[in-house]
N, C-alpha and C. Protein backbone atom coordinates (compact mmCIF):
# COMPACT_ATOMS: atom_id res chain seq x y z
N GLY A 1 19.89 -47.01 -53.22
CA GLY A 1 21.04 -47.81 -53.95
C GLY A 1 21.28 -47.52 -55.34
N ALA A 2 22.29 -47.94 -55.99
CA ALA A 2 22.80 -47.89 -57.33
C ALA A 2 21.67 -48.19 -58.30
N TYR A 3 21.52 -47.28 -59.42
CA TYR A 3 20.67 -47.61 -60.51
C TYR A 3 21.21 -47.02 -61.72
N SER A 4 20.56 -47.53 -62.82
CA SER A 4 21.07 -46.94 -64.23
C SER A 4 19.67 -46.85 -65.11
N ILE A 5 19.71 -45.80 -65.99
CA ILE A 5 18.49 -45.66 -66.71
C ILE A 5 19.22 -45.58 -68.13
N GLU A 6 18.64 -46.25 -69.15
CA GLU A 6 19.04 -46.39 -70.48
C GLU A 6 18.03 -46.02 -71.62
N ILE A 7 18.29 -45.06 -72.57
CA ILE A 7 17.35 -44.91 -73.41
C ILE A 7 18.08 -44.50 -74.75
N VAL A 8 17.23 -44.64 -75.88
CA VAL A 8 17.60 -44.10 -77.12
C VAL A 8 16.69 -43.10 -77.62
N PHE A 9 17.18 -41.99 -77.92
CA PHE A 9 16.34 -40.59 -77.99
C PHE A 9 16.77 -40.12 -79.21
N LYS A 10 15.74 -39.15 -79.70
CA LYS A 10 15.97 -38.31 -80.96
C LYS A 10 14.92 -37.19 -80.77
N LYS A 11 15.34 -35.94 -80.88
CA LYS A 11 14.37 -34.89 -80.93
C LYS A 11 15.27 -33.72 -82.08
N ALA A 12 14.19 -33.09 -82.69
CA ALA A 12 14.74 -32.32 -83.75
C ALA A 12 15.41 -31.02 -83.25
N SER A 13 14.71 -30.39 -82.23
CA SER A 13 15.33 -29.12 -81.66
C SER A 13 14.81 -28.90 -80.40
N ALA A 14 15.67 -28.06 -79.61
CA ALA A 14 15.34 -27.84 -78.28
C ALA A 14 13.82 -27.26 -77.95
N PRO A 15 13.47 -27.66 -76.80
CA PRO A 15 11.93 -27.19 -76.63
C PRO A 15 11.94 -25.80 -75.95
N ILE A 16 10.86 -25.26 -76.16
CA ILE A 16 10.71 -23.85 -75.54
C ILE A 16 10.13 -23.81 -74.19
N ALA A 17 9.78 -25.05 -73.73
CA ALA A 17 9.64 -25.35 -72.13
C ALA A 17 10.10 -26.82 -72.00
N THR A 18 10.60 -26.94 -70.68
CA THR A 18 11.33 -28.15 -70.29
C THR A 18 10.21 -29.45 -70.70
N GLN A 19 10.65 -30.43 -71.18
CA GLN A 19 9.95 -31.56 -71.59
C GLN A 19 10.48 -32.78 -70.83
N MET A 20 9.64 -33.80 -70.23
CA MET A 20 9.95 -35.08 -69.50
C MET A 20 10.12 -35.97 -70.49
N LEU A 21 11.34 -36.77 -70.35
CA LEU A 21 11.55 -38.00 -70.91
C LEU A 21 11.00 -39.30 -70.08
N LEU A 22 11.62 -39.07 -68.94
CA LEU A 22 10.97 -40.33 -67.88
C LEU A 22 10.93 -39.63 -66.44
N HIS A 23 9.91 -40.04 -65.85
CA HIS A 23 9.52 -39.38 -64.54
C HIS A 23 9.00 -40.36 -63.62
N LYS A 24 9.42 -40.37 -62.55
CA LYS A 24 8.95 -40.90 -61.25
C LYS A 24 9.27 -39.94 -60.21
N TYR A 25 8.38 -38.79 -60.11
CA TYR A 25 8.47 -37.75 -59.44
C TYR A 25 7.22 -37.10 -59.00
N ALA A 26 6.94 -36.85 -57.81
CA ALA A 26 5.82 -36.29 -57.35
C ALA A 26 6.07 -34.72 -56.98
N SER A 27 5.49 -33.95 -58.07
CA SER A 27 5.78 -32.54 -58.11
C SER A 27 5.31 -31.80 -56.96
N GLY A 28 4.17 -32.22 -56.44
CA GLY A 28 3.65 -31.55 -55.13
C GLY A 28 4.60 -31.66 -54.02
N ALA A 29 5.23 -32.96 -53.74
CA ALA A 29 5.90 -33.18 -52.66
C ALA A 29 7.42 -33.08 -53.01
N THR A 30 7.54 -32.84 -54.30
CA THR A 30 9.08 -32.82 -54.73
C THR A 30 9.85 -33.86 -54.39
N THR A 31 9.39 -35.20 -54.68
CA THR A 31 10.13 -36.42 -54.46
C THR A 31 10.39 -37.08 -55.60
N GLY A 32 11.33 -37.90 -55.59
CA GLY A 32 11.79 -38.81 -56.76
C GLY A 32 12.57 -38.34 -57.66
N TRP A 33 12.77 -39.04 -58.92
CA TRP A 33 13.70 -38.66 -59.95
C TRP A 33 12.97 -38.35 -61.26
N ARG A 34 13.86 -37.71 -62.10
CA ARG A 34 13.20 -37.54 -63.52
C ARG A 34 14.47 -37.15 -64.37
N VAL A 35 14.14 -37.59 -65.54
CA VAL A 35 15.06 -37.31 -66.86
C VAL A 35 14.19 -36.34 -67.81
N LEU A 36 14.77 -35.31 -68.06
CA LEU A 36 14.15 -34.32 -69.11
C LEU A 36 15.02 -33.61 -69.88
N VAL A 37 14.39 -32.90 -70.89
CA VAL A 37 14.99 -32.09 -71.78
C VAL A 37 14.93 -30.68 -71.48
N GLU A 38 15.99 -29.97 -71.23
CA GLU A 38 15.93 -28.45 -70.83
C GLU A 38 15.69 -27.79 -72.27
N THR A 39 15.48 -26.39 -72.01
CA THR A 39 15.23 -25.58 -73.06
C THR A 39 16.52 -25.34 -73.78
N SER A 40 17.63 -25.73 -73.24
CA SER A 40 19.02 -25.52 -73.76
C SER A 40 19.20 -26.81 -74.83
N GLY A 41 18.34 -27.80 -74.81
CA GLY A 41 18.64 -28.87 -75.70
C GLY A 41 19.35 -29.97 -74.95
N LYS A 42 19.95 -29.59 -73.56
CA LYS A 42 20.67 -30.57 -72.87
C LYS A 42 19.71 -31.54 -72.07
N LEU A 43 20.05 -32.89 -71.91
CA LEU A 43 19.35 -33.72 -71.05
C LEU A 43 19.73 -33.54 -69.61
N ALA A 44 18.88 -33.55 -68.60
CA ALA A 44 19.12 -33.41 -67.30
C ALA A 44 18.54 -34.81 -66.43
N PHE A 45 19.32 -35.15 -65.60
CA PHE A 45 19.09 -36.45 -64.62
C PHE A 45 19.15 -35.77 -63.25
N ILE A 46 17.87 -35.69 -62.63
CA ILE A 46 17.74 -35.16 -61.38
C ILE A 46 17.07 -36.25 -60.39
N HIS A 47 17.69 -36.14 -59.19
CA HIS A 47 16.91 -36.95 -58.07
C HIS A 47 16.87 -36.12 -56.68
N ARG A 48 15.74 -35.99 -56.22
CA ARG A 48 15.59 -35.33 -54.83
C ARG A 48 16.15 -35.99 -53.78
N ASN A 49 16.63 -35.15 -52.68
CA ASN A 49 16.98 -35.76 -51.47
C ASN A 49 15.82 -36.32 -50.63
N ALA A 50 16.05 -37.28 -49.50
CA ALA A 50 14.94 -37.86 -48.92
C ALA A 50 13.95 -36.85 -48.36
N ALA A 51 14.26 -35.65 -47.93
CA ALA A 51 13.35 -34.66 -47.41
C ALA A 51 12.58 -34.08 -48.37
N GLY A 52 13.03 -34.17 -49.71
CA GLY A 52 12.31 -33.47 -50.88
C GLY A 52 12.39 -31.91 -50.86
N SER A 53 13.58 -31.61 -49.98
CA SER A 53 13.89 -30.17 -49.92
C SER A 53 14.88 -29.55 -51.02
N ALA A 54 15.71 -30.48 -51.50
CA ALA A 54 16.72 -30.14 -52.43
C ALA A 54 17.11 -31.18 -53.45
N ASP A 55 17.77 -30.94 -54.50
CA ASP A 55 18.42 -31.79 -55.34
C ASP A 55 19.43 -32.71 -54.64
N ALA A 56 19.43 -34.11 -54.58
CA ALA A 56 20.52 -34.86 -54.21
C ALA A 56 21.53 -34.72 -55.36
N PHE A 57 21.13 -34.65 -56.56
CA PHE A 57 22.04 -34.36 -57.68
C PHE A 57 21.36 -34.03 -58.84
N SER A 58 21.84 -33.13 -59.63
CA SER A 58 21.37 -32.68 -61.00
C SER A 58 22.48 -32.80 -61.81
N LEU A 59 22.28 -33.35 -63.03
CA LEU A 59 23.43 -33.61 -64.01
C LEU A 59 22.76 -33.51 -65.37
N LEU A 60 23.79 -32.51 -66.22
CA LEU A 60 23.18 -32.22 -67.62
C LEU A 60 24.40 -32.84 -68.39
N THR A 61 23.82 -33.21 -69.75
CA THR A 61 24.68 -33.65 -70.88
C THR A 61 25.46 -32.26 -70.98
N SER A 62 26.78 -32.40 -71.67
CA SER A 62 27.71 -31.44 -71.81
C SER A 62 27.21 -30.60 -73.11
N VAL A 63 26.47 -31.06 -73.95
CA VAL A 63 26.13 -30.22 -75.15
C VAL A 63 24.60 -30.61 -75.37
N THR A 64 23.93 -29.93 -76.22
CA THR A 64 22.56 -30.03 -76.71
C THR A 64 22.60 -31.51 -77.33
N GLN A 65 21.51 -32.28 -77.04
CA GLN A 65 21.12 -33.47 -77.80
C GLN A 65 19.97 -33.48 -78.66
N CYS A 66 19.49 -32.17 -79.17
CA CYS A 66 18.49 -31.88 -79.92
C CYS A 66 18.84 -31.47 -81.23
N ASP A 67 19.30 -32.47 -81.99
CA ASP A 67 19.77 -32.09 -83.41
C ASP A 67 19.21 -33.11 -84.55
N ASP A 68 18.13 -33.84 -83.97
CA ASP A 68 17.35 -34.72 -85.01
C ASP A 68 18.32 -36.08 -85.33
N THR A 69 19.25 -36.33 -84.16
CA THR A 69 19.99 -37.49 -84.54
C THR A 69 19.74 -38.39 -83.38
N TRP A 70 19.76 -39.91 -83.70
CA TRP A 70 19.53 -40.77 -82.65
C TRP A 70 20.60 -40.97 -81.73
N ARG A 71 20.53 -41.03 -80.42
CA ARG A 71 21.43 -40.93 -79.30
C ARG A 71 21.27 -42.17 -78.38
N HIS A 72 22.05 -42.85 -78.08
CA HIS A 72 22.08 -43.96 -76.97
C HIS A 72 22.56 -43.17 -75.87
N VAL A 73 21.74 -42.90 -74.60
CA VAL A 73 21.95 -42.15 -73.52
C VAL A 73 21.73 -43.06 -72.34
N VAL A 74 22.69 -43.16 -71.35
CA VAL A 74 22.67 -43.94 -70.15
C VAL A 74 23.00 -43.03 -68.81
N PHE A 75 22.20 -42.80 -67.96
CA PHE A 75 22.59 -42.04 -66.74
C PHE A 75 22.61 -43.21 -65.80
N THR A 76 23.77 -43.13 -64.98
CA THR A 76 24.02 -44.00 -63.81
C THR A 76 24.34 -43.25 -62.43
N TRP A 77 23.91 -43.76 -61.28
CA TRP A 77 24.30 -43.34 -60.14
C TRP A 77 24.66 -44.68 -59.14
N ASP A 78 25.79 -44.38 -58.51
CA ASP A 78 26.55 -45.57 -57.77
C ASP A 78 25.72 -45.65 -56.29
N GLY A 79 24.82 -44.76 -55.93
CA GLY A 79 24.08 -44.84 -54.80
C GLY A 79 24.91 -44.25 -53.62
N THR A 80 25.92 -43.59 -53.85
CA THR A 80 26.86 -42.96 -52.90
C THR A 80 27.05 -41.50 -53.11
N THR A 81 27.86 -40.99 -52.24
CA THR A 81 28.43 -39.52 -52.42
C THR A 81 29.69 -39.52 -52.88
N ALA A 82 30.40 -40.65 -53.22
CA ALA A 82 31.61 -40.77 -53.87
C ALA A 82 31.76 -39.79 -55.17
N ALA A 83 32.97 -39.24 -55.16
CA ALA A 83 33.22 -38.24 -56.19
C ALA A 83 32.94 -38.87 -57.55
N ASN A 84 32.13 -38.13 -58.48
CA ASN A 84 31.74 -38.29 -59.76
C ASN A 84 31.14 -39.66 -59.82
N GLY A 85 30.09 -39.99 -58.74
CA GLY A 85 29.24 -41.08 -58.91
C GLY A 85 28.14 -41.08 -59.66
N VAL A 86 27.83 -39.86 -60.10
CA VAL A 86 26.65 -39.77 -60.98
C VAL A 86 27.28 -39.48 -62.39
N LYS A 87 26.85 -40.22 -63.43
CA LYS A 87 27.50 -40.24 -64.79
C LYS A 87 26.31 -40.19 -65.83
N VAL A 88 26.60 -39.52 -66.98
CA VAL A 88 25.99 -39.66 -68.23
C VAL A 88 26.87 -40.07 -69.23
N TYR A 89 26.31 -41.12 -70.10
CA TYR A 89 27.13 -41.61 -71.19
C TYR A 89 26.31 -41.30 -72.43
N VAL A 90 26.83 -40.74 -73.54
CA VAL A 90 26.19 -40.52 -74.78
C VAL A 90 26.95 -41.32 -75.92
N ASN A 91 26.25 -42.31 -76.52
CA ASN A 91 26.71 -43.08 -77.58
C ASN A 91 27.94 -43.98 -77.00
N GLY A 92 27.82 -44.43 -75.88
CA GLY A 92 28.92 -45.32 -75.33
C GLY A 92 29.97 -44.68 -74.67
N THR A 93 30.10 -43.34 -74.59
CA THR A 93 31.19 -42.77 -74.15
C THR A 93 30.81 -41.73 -72.96
N LEU A 94 31.54 -41.58 -71.82
CA LEU A 94 31.13 -40.73 -70.87
C LEU A 94 31.20 -39.36 -71.24
N ASP A 95 30.24 -38.60 -70.96
CA ASP A 95 29.73 -37.31 -71.50
C ASP A 95 30.03 -36.27 -70.27
N ASN A 96 29.52 -36.68 -69.22
CA ASN A 96 29.52 -35.74 -67.84
C ASN A 96 29.59 -36.51 -66.58
N GLN A 97 29.93 -35.90 -65.50
CA GLN A 97 29.73 -36.58 -64.20
C GLN A 97 29.53 -35.57 -63.03
N ALA A 98 29.08 -35.93 -61.97
CA ALA A 98 28.91 -35.12 -60.84
C ALA A 98 29.02 -35.84 -59.55
N THR A 99 28.85 -35.27 -58.48
CA THR A 99 28.87 -35.85 -57.20
C THR A 99 27.52 -35.68 -56.48
N ALA A 100 26.92 -36.87 -56.01
CA ALA A 100 25.60 -36.64 -55.31
C ALA A 100 25.83 -35.76 -53.79
N SER A 101 25.09 -35.03 -53.43
CA SER A 101 25.28 -34.39 -52.12
C SER A 101 24.95 -35.17 -50.96
N THR A 102 24.00 -36.29 -51.27
CA THR A 102 23.66 -37.17 -50.26
C THR A 102 23.42 -38.52 -50.81
N ALA A 103 23.33 -39.53 -50.23
CA ALA A 103 22.93 -40.79 -50.55
C ALA A 103 21.50 -41.22 -50.14
N SER A 104 21.05 -40.18 -49.18
CA SER A 104 19.69 -40.33 -48.79
C SER A 104 18.64 -39.77 -49.63
N VAL A 105 17.99 -40.52 -50.68
CA VAL A 105 17.23 -39.90 -51.62
C VAL A 105 15.66 -40.39 -51.58
N SER A 106 15.00 -39.66 -52.10
CA SER A 106 13.48 -40.08 -52.09
C SER A 106 13.23 -41.08 -53.19
N ALA A 107 12.34 -41.87 -52.95
CA ALA A 107 12.09 -42.98 -53.84
C ALA A 107 10.73 -42.67 -54.63
N ALA A 108 9.91 -41.82 -54.13
CA ALA A 108 8.57 -41.59 -54.72
C ALA A 108 7.92 -42.81 -54.97
N ALA A 109 7.90 -43.71 -54.08
CA ALA A 109 7.35 -45.03 -54.23
C ALA A 109 5.85 -45.25 -54.71
N THR A 110 5.01 -44.32 -54.21
CA THR A 110 3.64 -44.35 -54.61
C THR A 110 3.43 -43.38 -55.89
N THR A 111 4.47 -42.81 -56.37
CA THR A 111 4.21 -42.22 -57.75
C THR A 111 4.33 -43.12 -58.90
N ALA A 112 3.58 -42.79 -59.97
CA ALA A 112 3.53 -43.68 -61.18
C ALA A 112 4.76 -43.21 -61.90
N PHE A 113 5.24 -44.29 -62.70
CA PHE A 113 6.33 -44.27 -63.60
C PHE A 113 5.85 -43.80 -64.89
N ARG A 114 6.27 -42.63 -65.53
CA ARG A 114 5.80 -42.13 -66.72
C ARG A 114 6.90 -42.08 -67.74
N ILE A 115 6.54 -42.27 -69.06
CA ILE A 115 7.34 -42.13 -70.09
C ILE A 115 6.89 -40.96 -71.04
N GLY A 116 7.61 -39.97 -71.37
CA GLY A 116 7.14 -38.96 -72.17
C GLY A 116 6.21 -38.02 -71.60
N THR A 117 5.94 -37.91 -70.35
CA THR A 117 5.09 -36.91 -69.67
C THR A 117 5.57 -36.93 -68.23
N SER A 118 4.84 -35.96 -67.39
CA SER A 118 4.97 -35.94 -66.13
C SER A 118 3.66 -35.93 -65.39
N ASP A 119 3.46 -35.47 -64.27
CA ASP A 119 2.23 -35.39 -63.50
C ASP A 119 1.51 -34.17 -63.80
N VAL A 120 2.14 -33.21 -64.67
CA VAL A 120 1.66 -31.97 -65.11
C VAL A 120 0.88 -32.11 -66.45
N PRO A 121 -0.25 -31.98 -66.64
CA PRO A 121 -0.90 -32.50 -67.82
C PRO A 121 -0.33 -31.86 -69.18
N ALA A 122 0.15 -30.70 -69.10
CA ALA A 122 0.84 -30.10 -70.39
C ALA A 122 2.26 -30.31 -70.66
N ASP A 123 2.73 -31.36 -69.95
CA ASP A 123 4.15 -31.71 -70.02
C ASP A 123 4.58 -32.86 -70.89
N TYR A 124 4.18 -32.67 -72.17
CA TYR A 124 4.36 -33.73 -72.95
C TYR A 124 5.55 -33.66 -73.80
N LEU A 125 6.10 -34.77 -74.07
CA LEU A 125 7.52 -34.81 -74.91
C LEU A 125 7.21 -34.87 -76.32
N ALA A 126 7.88 -34.07 -77.07
CA ALA A 126 7.92 -34.08 -78.69
C ALA A 126 9.07 -34.67 -79.16
N ALA A 127 9.26 -35.83 -79.02
CA ALA A 127 10.60 -36.53 -79.48
C ALA A 127 10.21 -38.03 -79.71
N SER A 128 11.15 -38.74 -80.19
CA SER A 128 11.06 -40.19 -80.18
C SER A 128 11.89 -40.85 -79.26
N LEU A 129 11.52 -41.80 -78.61
CA LEU A 129 12.39 -42.77 -77.66
C LEU A 129 12.02 -44.31 -78.21
N ASP A 130 13.14 -44.86 -77.77
CA ASP A 130 13.31 -46.30 -78.03
C ASP A 130 14.10 -47.06 -76.86
N GLU A 131 14.04 -48.35 -76.84
CA GLU A 131 14.75 -48.92 -75.78
C GLU A 131 14.90 -48.37 -74.29
N VAL A 132 13.87 -48.12 -73.75
CA VAL A 132 13.90 -47.55 -72.35
C VAL A 132 14.21 -48.70 -71.38
N ALA A 133 14.98 -48.55 -70.53
CA ALA A 133 15.35 -49.75 -69.69
C ALA A 133 15.75 -49.12 -68.24
N LEU A 134 15.42 -49.66 -67.35
CA LEU A 134 15.61 -49.19 -65.77
C LEU A 134 16.34 -50.35 -65.29
N TYR A 135 17.57 -50.22 -64.37
CA TYR A 135 18.31 -51.18 -63.97
C TYR A 135 18.41 -50.93 -62.28
N ASN A 136 18.24 -51.84 -61.46
CA ASN A 136 18.58 -51.70 -60.06
C ASN A 136 20.10 -51.95 -59.73
N ALA A 137 20.99 -51.42 -60.66
CA ALA A 137 22.35 -51.72 -60.54
C ALA A 137 22.97 -50.81 -61.44
N LEU A 138 24.30 -50.56 -61.06
CA LEU A 138 25.20 -49.57 -61.65
C LEU A 138 25.60 -50.16 -62.92
N LEU A 139 25.28 -49.67 -64.16
CA LEU A 139 25.94 -50.26 -65.44
C LEU A 139 27.45 -49.74 -65.43
N SER A 140 28.51 -50.55 -65.81
CA SER A 140 29.87 -50.09 -65.80
C SER A 140 29.96 -49.36 -67.20
N ALA A 141 31.08 -48.78 -67.22
CA ALA A 141 31.57 -48.00 -68.55
C ALA A 141 31.61 -48.89 -69.60
N ALA A 142 32.18 -50.17 -69.23
CA ALA A 142 32.36 -51.18 -70.21
C ALA A 142 30.94 -51.81 -70.76
N SER A 143 30.18 -52.02 -69.81
CA SER A 143 28.71 -52.39 -70.26
C SER A 143 27.98 -51.44 -71.19
N VAL A 144 28.10 -50.03 -70.67
CA VAL A 144 27.51 -49.11 -71.56
C VAL A 144 28.04 -49.00 -72.92
N SER A 145 29.49 -49.13 -72.94
CA SER A 145 30.02 -49.30 -74.32
C SER A 145 29.68 -50.33 -75.05
N ALA A 146 29.60 -51.50 -74.44
CA ALA A 146 29.20 -52.65 -75.31
C ALA A 146 27.84 -52.72 -75.68
N HIS A 147 26.90 -52.19 -74.83
CA HIS A 147 25.44 -52.14 -75.25
C HIS A 147 25.36 -51.15 -76.65
N HIS A 148 26.10 -50.11 -76.51
CA HIS A 148 25.97 -49.13 -77.66
C HIS A 148 26.66 -49.83 -78.86
N ALA A 149 28.00 -50.50 -78.60
CA ALA A 149 28.45 -51.04 -79.88
C ALA A 149 27.66 -52.21 -80.38
N ALA A 150 27.07 -52.92 -79.66
CA ALA A 150 26.22 -54.07 -80.18
C ALA A 150 24.87 -53.63 -80.45
N ARG A 151 24.52 -52.36 -80.49
CA ARG A 151 23.18 -51.89 -80.63
C ARG A 151 22.06 -52.83 -79.81
N ILE A 152 22.50 -53.32 -78.81
CA ILE A 152 21.71 -54.09 -77.75
C ILE A 152 21.72 -53.27 -76.58
N TRP A 153 20.78 -52.50 -76.45
CA TRP A 153 20.62 -51.51 -75.47
C TRP A 153 19.72 -51.87 -74.31
N THR A 154 19.38 -53.11 -74.26
CA THR A 154 18.58 -53.65 -72.98
C THR A 154 19.47 -54.94 -72.66
N ASP A 155 19.23 -55.28 -71.43
CA ASP A 155 20.04 -56.40 -70.91
C ASP A 155 18.91 -57.36 -70.28
N VAL A 156 19.14 -58.36 -70.28
CA VAL A 156 18.27 -59.60 -69.57
C VAL A 156 18.75 -59.94 -68.23
N SER A 157 19.56 -59.13 -67.66
CA SER A 157 20.01 -59.36 -66.39
C SER A 157 19.12 -59.38 -65.24
N ALA A 158 19.37 -60.05 -64.07
CA ALA A 158 18.43 -59.86 -62.85
C ALA A 158 18.21 -58.67 -62.41
N ASP A 159 19.19 -57.54 -62.78
CA ASP A 159 19.07 -56.25 -62.27
C ASP A 159 18.04 -55.36 -63.06
N LEU A 160 17.59 -55.99 -64.26
CA LEU A 160 16.72 -55.11 -65.18
C LEU A 160 15.38 -54.98 -64.29
N VAL A 161 14.89 -53.90 -64.05
CA VAL A 161 13.61 -53.65 -63.55
C VAL A 161 12.50 -53.65 -64.45
N ALA A 162 12.63 -52.80 -65.50
CA ALA A 162 11.69 -52.59 -66.72
C ALA A 162 12.25 -52.30 -67.93
N SER A 163 11.65 -52.72 -69.03
CA SER A 163 12.11 -52.29 -70.28
C SER A 163 11.11 -52.16 -71.35
N LYS A 164 11.27 -51.33 -72.43
CA LYS A 164 10.15 -51.42 -73.46
C LYS A 164 11.03 -51.46 -74.72
N GLU A 165 10.88 -52.64 -75.57
CA GLU A 165 11.58 -52.66 -76.70
C GLU A 165 10.79 -52.44 -77.69
N LEU A 166 10.85 -51.48 -78.51
CA LEU A 166 10.12 -50.73 -79.68
C LEU A 166 10.83 -51.35 -80.92
N THR A 167 9.96 -51.51 -82.08
CA THR A 167 10.32 -51.93 -83.03
C THR A 167 11.37 -51.25 -83.83
N TRP A 168 12.60 -51.71 -84.19
CA TRP A 168 13.64 -51.11 -84.84
C TRP A 168 13.30 -51.52 -86.40
N GLY A 169 13.41 -50.52 -87.34
CA GLY A 169 13.41 -50.72 -88.67
C GLY A 169 13.55 -49.41 -89.42
N ARG A 170 13.04 -49.43 -90.60
CA ARG A 170 13.06 -48.24 -91.66
C ARG A 170 12.66 -46.94 -90.85
N GLY A 171 11.83 -46.93 -89.95
CA GLY A 171 11.40 -45.69 -89.16
C GLY A 171 10.74 -44.80 -89.89
N ILE A 172 10.46 -43.53 -89.31
CA ILE A 172 9.68 -42.44 -90.13
C ILE A 172 10.47 -41.86 -91.16
N ASN A 173 11.75 -41.61 -90.97
CA ASN A 173 12.68 -40.80 -91.99
C ASN A 173 13.58 -41.95 -92.60
N GLY A 174 13.33 -43.34 -92.55
CA GLY A 174 14.01 -44.26 -93.17
C GLY A 174 15.25 -44.64 -92.44
N GLU A 175 15.21 -44.29 -91.06
CA GLU A 175 16.18 -44.85 -90.08
C GLU A 175 15.39 -44.79 -88.70
N GLY A 176 15.98 -45.67 -87.89
CA GLY A 176 15.48 -45.59 -86.49
C GLY A 176 14.25 -46.38 -86.00
N PRO A 177 13.69 -46.22 -84.88
CA PRO A 177 12.61 -47.04 -84.40
C PRO A 177 11.51 -46.56 -85.21
N THR A 178 10.50 -47.44 -85.26
CA THR A 178 9.08 -47.33 -85.99
C THR A 178 8.08 -46.94 -85.18
N ASP A 179 8.17 -47.29 -83.82
CA ASP A 179 7.37 -46.97 -82.79
C ASP A 179 7.56 -45.56 -82.16
N ARG A 180 6.59 -44.91 -81.65
CA ARG A 180 6.95 -43.51 -80.93
C ARG A 180 6.27 -43.78 -79.56
N VAL A 181 6.89 -43.16 -78.58
CA VAL A 181 6.13 -42.83 -77.39
C VAL A 181 6.06 -41.38 -77.17
N ALA A 182 4.92 -40.82 -77.06
CA ALA A 182 4.58 -39.30 -77.08
C ALA A 182 3.81 -38.93 -75.91
């Protein structure tokens, strides 16, 4: 079904190898979903099909997100194969969209949810994250925009599955979150 992933993210430069932001993906069985930083500096949202044989969808941000700037990023999927049912919003604005090839996707139910790493030991994220939230619902464009405008990037709705609110304050460079997930 439909779901949304919401994060606040900052990374100084593109990595030399792919780095995981969020991960509920079984690499050996190639099932589940993941959000990662590509070597281009673009963020990718990938979900495998139910057979684990191909991507149901793979969506990249339109430009690099690795320039040492805090960004509010929301990935959504409407749970269908409707045209442009997979979307990514950056700072409250639609950035890119795609169409899922199938609505039959793998859940990787027995795989651990990971933040800042995957099930590969050397696959650690070198970046800052804040306000990680997962929703069992499609966040509308209006909701995404409102979250960004209000700097309230998590929701207390019944559709919220999990969130981690980190301390917002002066931060490491005088701005942004003061906690890090590495």
